[in-house]
Protein backbone atom coordinates (compact mmCIF):
# COMPACT_ATOMS: atom_id res chain seq x y z
CA MET A 1 4.30 50.55 0.76
CA SER A 2 0.90 49.53 -0.76
CA ALA A 3 0.11 50.63 -4.24
CA VAL A 4 -3.48 51.67 -3.06
CA THR A 5 -4.20 55.10 -2.04
CA GLU A 6 -7.04 56.82 0.09
CA SER A 7 -8.51 58.12 -3.23
CA ASP A 8 -9.73 54.54 -4.07
CA SER A 9 -13.33 55.49 -2.99
CA GLY A 10 -12.92 55.09 0.60
CA ASP A 11 -11.49 51.50 0.34
CA HIS A 12 -7.97 52.42 1.72
CA ASP A 13 -6.19 49.62 3.46
CA LEU A 14 -8.97 46.91 3.01
CA VAL A 15 -6.21 44.48 2.92
CA SER A 16 -2.29 44.50 2.93
CA PHE A 17 0.42 42.39 1.54
CA ASP A 18 3.43 43.32 3.65
CA PRO A 19 5.56 40.45 5.06
CA ALA A 20 3.94 40.49 8.49
CA SER A 21 0.25 40.64 6.99
CA VAL A 22 1.10 37.62 4.64
CA ARG A 23 2.47 35.69 7.47
CA ALA A 24 -0.68 36.14 9.22
CA GLN A 25 -2.77 35.36 6.13
CA ASN A 26 -0.92 32.09 5.64
CA ARG A 27 -1.33 30.96 9.15
CA ALA A 28 -5.19 31.71 8.82
CA GLY A 29 -5.25 30.30 5.40
CA THR A 30 -3.64 26.79 6.65
CA VAL A 31 -6.54 26.54 9.16
CA ALA A 32 -9.20 27.13 6.49
CA ALA A 33 -7.45 24.63 4.16
CA THR A 34 -7.32 22.04 6.62
CA ALA A 35 -11.06 22.44 7.27
CA ALA A 36 -11.65 22.46 3.55
CA PHE A 37 -9.82 19.58 2.82
CA GLY A 38 -11.62 17.60 5.55
CA LEU A 39 -14.87 18.27 3.57
CA MET A 40 -13.59 17.68 0.33
CA ARG A 41 -12.16 14.22 1.00
CA THR A 42 -15.66 13.12 2.00
CA ALA A 43 -16.78 13.89 -1.29
CA THR A 44 -14.04 13.33 -3.85
CA LYS A 45 -10.51 12.09 -4.24
CA MET A 46 -8.46 15.20 -5.48
CA SER A 47 -5.31 14.76 -7.76
CA VAL A 48 -3.18 17.61 -8.93
CA ARG A 49 -0.97 17.76 -12.18
CA GLY A 50 1.31 20.38 -13.62
CA THR A 51 2.74 21.93 -10.37
CA GLU A 52 6.08 22.05 -12.30
CA HIS A 53 4.70 25.03 -14.17
CA LEU A 54 4.31 27.06 -10.88
CA PRO A 55 7.31 29.37 -10.71
CA ALA A 56 9.29 29.68 -7.57
CA LYS A 57 7.72 31.02 -4.52
CA GLY A 58 8.32 34.75 -4.07
CA THR A 59 7.35 35.30 -7.79
CA GLY A 60 3.95 37.04 -8.20
CA ILE A 61 1.68 34.97 -10.41
CA ILE A 62 -1.83 35.22 -11.93
CA ILE A 63 -3.92 32.09 -11.85
CA ALA A 64 -6.52 32.16 -14.56
CA ALA A 65 -9.03 29.57 -13.44
CA TYR A 66 -11.82 27.65 -15.28
CA HIS A 67 -15.08 28.02 -13.31
CA SER A 68 -17.93 25.46 -13.83
CA ASN A 69 -18.73 24.48 -10.32
CA HIS A 70 -19.46 26.41 -6.94
CA LEU A 71 -16.87 24.16 -5.43
CA ASP A 72 -14.04 24.96 -7.76
CA PRO A 73 -12.47 27.58 -5.77
CA ILE A 74 -12.14 25.21 -2.87
CA LEU A 75 -10.55 22.81 -5.32
CA VAL A 76 -8.00 25.17 -6.85
CA GLY A 77 -7.38 27.02 -3.53
CA LEU A 78 -6.34 23.62 -1.92
CA ALA A 79 -4.18 22.65 -4.84
CA LEU A 80 -2.32 25.92 -4.64
CA LYS A 81 -2.05 25.70 -0.76
CA ARG A 82 -0.80 22.19 -0.77
CA ASN A 83 2.01 23.29 -3.16
CA GLY A 84 3.39 26.10 -0.96
CA ARG A 85 1.16 28.95 -2.21
CA MET A 86 -1.26 31.01 -0.51
CA PRO A 87 -4.42 31.82 -2.95
CA HIS A 88 -5.60 35.28 -3.00
CA PHE A 89 -8.98 35.34 -4.88
CA LEU A 90 -10.68 38.33 -6.15
CA ALA A 91 -13.97 39.54 -4.72
CA LYS A 92 -15.98 42.46 -4.58
CA SER A 93 -14.99 45.32 -2.41
CA SER A 94 -18.53 45.74 -1.05
CA LEU A 95 -17.89 42.30 0.84
CA PHE A 96 -15.19 43.74 3.02
CA SER A 97 -17.30 44.79 5.82
CA GLY A 98 -18.76 43.36 8.89
CA VAL A 99 -18.06 39.72 9.85
CA LEU A 100 -17.47 38.38 6.34
CA GLY A 101 -15.05 41.35 5.69
CA ARG A 102 -12.93 40.56 8.65
CA ILE A 103 -12.64 36.84 7.39
CA LEU A 104 -11.85 38.01 4.05
CA LYS A 105 -9.19 40.25 5.38
CA THR A 106 -7.78 37.72 7.74
CA ILE A 107 -7.10 35.05 4.74
CA GLY A 108 -5.84 37.81 2.55
CA GLN A 109 -8.48 37.74 -0.26
CA ILE A 110 -8.34 40.85 -2.85
CA PRO A 111 -11.09 43.48 -3.21
CA VAL A 112 -11.99 44.56 -6.61
CA LEU A 113 -12.77 48.35 -6.51
CA ARG A 114 -15.85 48.32 -8.78
CA ALA A 115 -16.50 51.97 -8.01
CA SER A 116 -13.16 53.26 -9.26
CA ALA A 117 -12.92 55.83 -11.89
CA SER A 118 -11.05 53.38 -14.24
CA ALA A 119 -10.83 49.64 -14.87
CA GLY A 120 -7.28 49.96 -14.23
CA ASP A 121 -7.65 51.36 -10.67
CA SER A 122 -10.23 48.60 -9.90
CA LEU A 123 -7.21 46.05 -9.71
CA GLU A 124 -4.92 47.97 -7.60
CA TYR A 125 -4.90 45.57 -4.83
CA ALA A 126 -4.29 42.65 -7.31
CA LYS A 127 -1.28 44.77 -8.54
CA ASP A 128 -0.05 45.28 -4.98
CA ALA A 129 -0.27 41.43 -4.15
CA LEU A 130 1.68 40.59 -7.47
CA ALA A 131 4.35 43.23 -6.45
CA HIS A 132 4.79 41.44 -3.12
CA GLY A 133 5.13 38.13 -4.92
CA GLN A 134 1.71 36.53 -4.27
CA THR A 135 -0.67 34.30 -6.02
CA VAL A 136 -3.74 36.09 -7.45
CA VAL A 137 -6.59 33.99 -8.49
CA ILE A 138 -9.14 35.22 -11.04
CA TYR A 139 -12.11 33.57 -12.96
CA PRO A 140 -11.84 35.36 -16.27
CA GLU A 141 -15.35 34.81 -17.20
CA GLY A 142 -16.46 36.54 -13.90
CA THR A 143 -19.18 33.95 -13.26
CA LEU A 144 -19.79 30.40 -13.57
CA THR A 145 -19.95 29.23 -17.12
CA LYS A 146 -23.55 28.53 -18.38
CA ASP A 147 -22.78 26.49 -21.21
CA PRO A 148 -24.67 23.25 -21.06
CA GLU A 149 -21.46 21.16 -21.88
CA LEU A 150 -19.59 23.09 -19.52
CA TRP A 151 -17.08 24.80 -21.92
CA PRO A 152 -15.56 28.01 -21.21
CA GLN A 153 -17.64 31.06 -22.35
CA HIS A 154 -16.93 34.88 -22.79
CA PHE A 155 -13.58 35.85 -20.88
CA LYS A 156 -13.74 39.44 -19.76
CA THR A 157 -10.59 41.54 -20.21
CA GLY A 158 -9.51 42.05 -16.43
CA THR A 159 -7.11 39.11 -16.38
CA ALA A 160 -5.21 40.28 -19.57
CA ARG A 161 -5.37 43.76 -18.27
CA LEU A 162 -3.57 42.87 -15.08
CA ALA A 163 -0.90 40.92 -16.92
CA LEU A 164 -0.31 43.58 -19.35
CA GLU A 165 -0.12 46.19 -16.68
CA THR A 166 2.40 44.31 -14.52
CA GLY A 167 3.98 41.55 -16.63
CA ALA A 168 3.14 38.86 -14.26
CA PRO A 169 2.93 35.19 -15.56
CA ILE A 170 -0.35 33.79 -16.35
CA ILE A 171 -0.83 30.34 -15.31
CA PRO A 172 -4.04 28.57 -16.74
CA VAL A 173 -5.79 26.33 -14.70
CA ALA A 174 -8.53 23.60 -15.67
CA HIS A 175 -10.19 20.88 -13.60
CA TRP A 176 -12.58 18.20 -14.08
CA GLY A 177 -14.81 15.85 -12.02
CA LEU A 178 -16.62 18.07 -9.70
CA ASP A 179 -19.78 17.84 -11.48
CA THR A 180 -20.18 14.20 -10.30
CA VAL A 181 -19.95 15.55 -6.75
CA PHE A 182 -21.94 18.64 -7.04
CA PRO A 183 -24.09 18.51 -10.19
CA ARG A 184 -25.53 21.63 -11.93
CA GLY A 185 -28.70 22.50 -10.41
CA GLN A 186 -28.43 20.43 -7.42
CA LYS A 187 -28.32 21.90 -3.76
CA LYS A 188 -26.50 19.06 -2.04
CA LEU A 189 -23.15 17.18 -2.20
CA ARG A 190 -22.86 13.62 -3.20
CA PHE A 191 -20.95 12.21 -0.25
CA ARG A 192 -19.35 9.17 -1.64
CA PRO A 193 -15.71 9.19 -0.19
CA PHE A 194 -13.05 8.33 -2.77
CA SER A 195 -15.58 7.30 -5.30
CA HIS A 196 -14.95 10.26 -7.55
CA ASP A 197 -11.82 11.78 -8.93
CA SER A 198 -11.55 15.54 -9.21
CA ILE A 199 -8.39 16.64 -11.02
CA VAL A 200 -6.63 20.05 -11.18
CA VAL A 201 -4.14 20.81 -13.76
CA PHE A 202 -1.80 23.76 -13.96
CA GLY A 203 -0.64 24.38 -17.53
CA PRO A 204 2.46 26.23 -18.63
CA PRO A 205 2.51 30.00 -18.50
CA VAL A 206 0.48 31.77 -21.44
CA ASP A 207 3.15 33.36 -23.66
CA TYR A 208 2.04 37.05 -24.34
CA SER A 209 5.43 38.35 -25.25
CA ASP A 210 4.12 38.98 -28.94
CA LEU A 211 1.71 41.33 -27.46
CA TRP A 212 3.86 43.24 -25.21
CA ASP A 213 4.74 46.21 -27.56
CA HIS A 214 0.93 46.97 -27.91
CA ARG A 215 0.03 46.09 -24.27
CA THR A 216 -1.83 49.32 -23.76
CA GLU A 217 -4.23 48.96 -26.62
CA LYS A 218 -7.78 47.62 -26.11
CA ALA A 219 -7.45 45.18 -28.89
CA THR A 220 -4.45 43.63 -27.40
CA MET A 221 -6.48 42.77 -24.24
CA GLY A 222 -9.19 41.27 -26.46
CA ARG A 223 -6.44 39.16 -27.93
CA LEU A 224 -4.90 37.83 -24.81
CA SER A 225 -8.28 37.17 -23.29
CA GLN A 226 -9.16 34.83 -26.35
CA ARG A 227 -5.81 33.26 -26.17
CA LEU A 228 -6.36 32.37 -22.60
CA LYS A 229 -9.94 31.15 -23.18
CA ASN A 230 -8.61 28.89 -26.04
CA THR A 231 -5.82 27.61 -23.77
CA ILE A 232 -8.14 26.82 -20.93
CA ALA A 233 -10.79 25.21 -23.31
CA ARG A 234 -7.99 22.92 -24.79
CA MET A 235 -7.20 21.88 -21.17
CA VAL A 236 -10.82 21.02 -20.30
CA SER A 237 -10.93 18.93 -23.73
CA GLU A 238 -7.95 16.79 -22.65
CA LEU A 239 -9.40 16.41 -19.10
CA SER A 240 -12.85 15.45 -20.17
CA ARG A 241 -11.53 13.48 -23.13
CA ARG A 242 -13.99 15.38 -25.58
CA GLU A 243 -13.21 16.88 -28.84
CA LEU A 244 -12.58 20.33 -28.72
CA PRO A 245 -15.13 22.64 -30.34
CA GLY A 246 -14.05 24.43 -33.45
CA ARG A 247 -14.76 27.89 -31.92
CA PHE A 248 -11.71 27.53 -29.65
CA GLU A 249 -9.44 27.12 -32.55
CA GLU A 250 -10.47 30.38 -34.43
CA LYS A 251 -7.84 32.92 -35.33
CA GLU A 252 -7.34 35.66 -32.53
CA THR A 253 -9.14 38.88 -32.84
CA GLY A 254 -9.15 42.08 -30.55
CA GLU A 255 -13.09 41.77 -29.84
């Protein structure tokens, strides 16, 4: 039974993660991934590392992804789908109507109930997906980084909240190379087949066992958010072969 109820501001049953629904989502997702891969291969050569860090299928996981390019949802989504996991990205619940809404439902994307009475309620669909062993993809910043050197910026606490309320593993994901394909501020792709490499890396699960006993505290969510941001920044540093700025090595706080 879905964890979402009719009290969720009229957003009842926007999407379901029962076995039959998941099978249909996977079929539709395979069609979408095939088309997306056909587009991406005209612009970049994609490689994936760290898939050994993905738990066995059937385990609900949170993918916390670096967000620096409008194309990176396609890159991260393809990396997951090609490794046997259907990606379920979070999206505003207001998008789940009309033609776009039908498409989002068909491929099993997750509505965020922003009109909910509490922040925890807004993630009920994501909790339901995790309870059914699905892969939930979140961009902790909530938007593209605005940093001129493409370092991660402020992480909101939604990812940490979801993990601390469910106990699901958090897999950090970084990538590099898309800025040569679709540079910041440009409106067109650079179609140069196989001339650029775009790399996606799955990191080891972020350990937050030391925070579990204080998981309901706001400060704990802040600490885990900072830990996650620092982890992804280190991954970006390694991929881009740049020195890690000192701000990502500071002691964790609950801010």
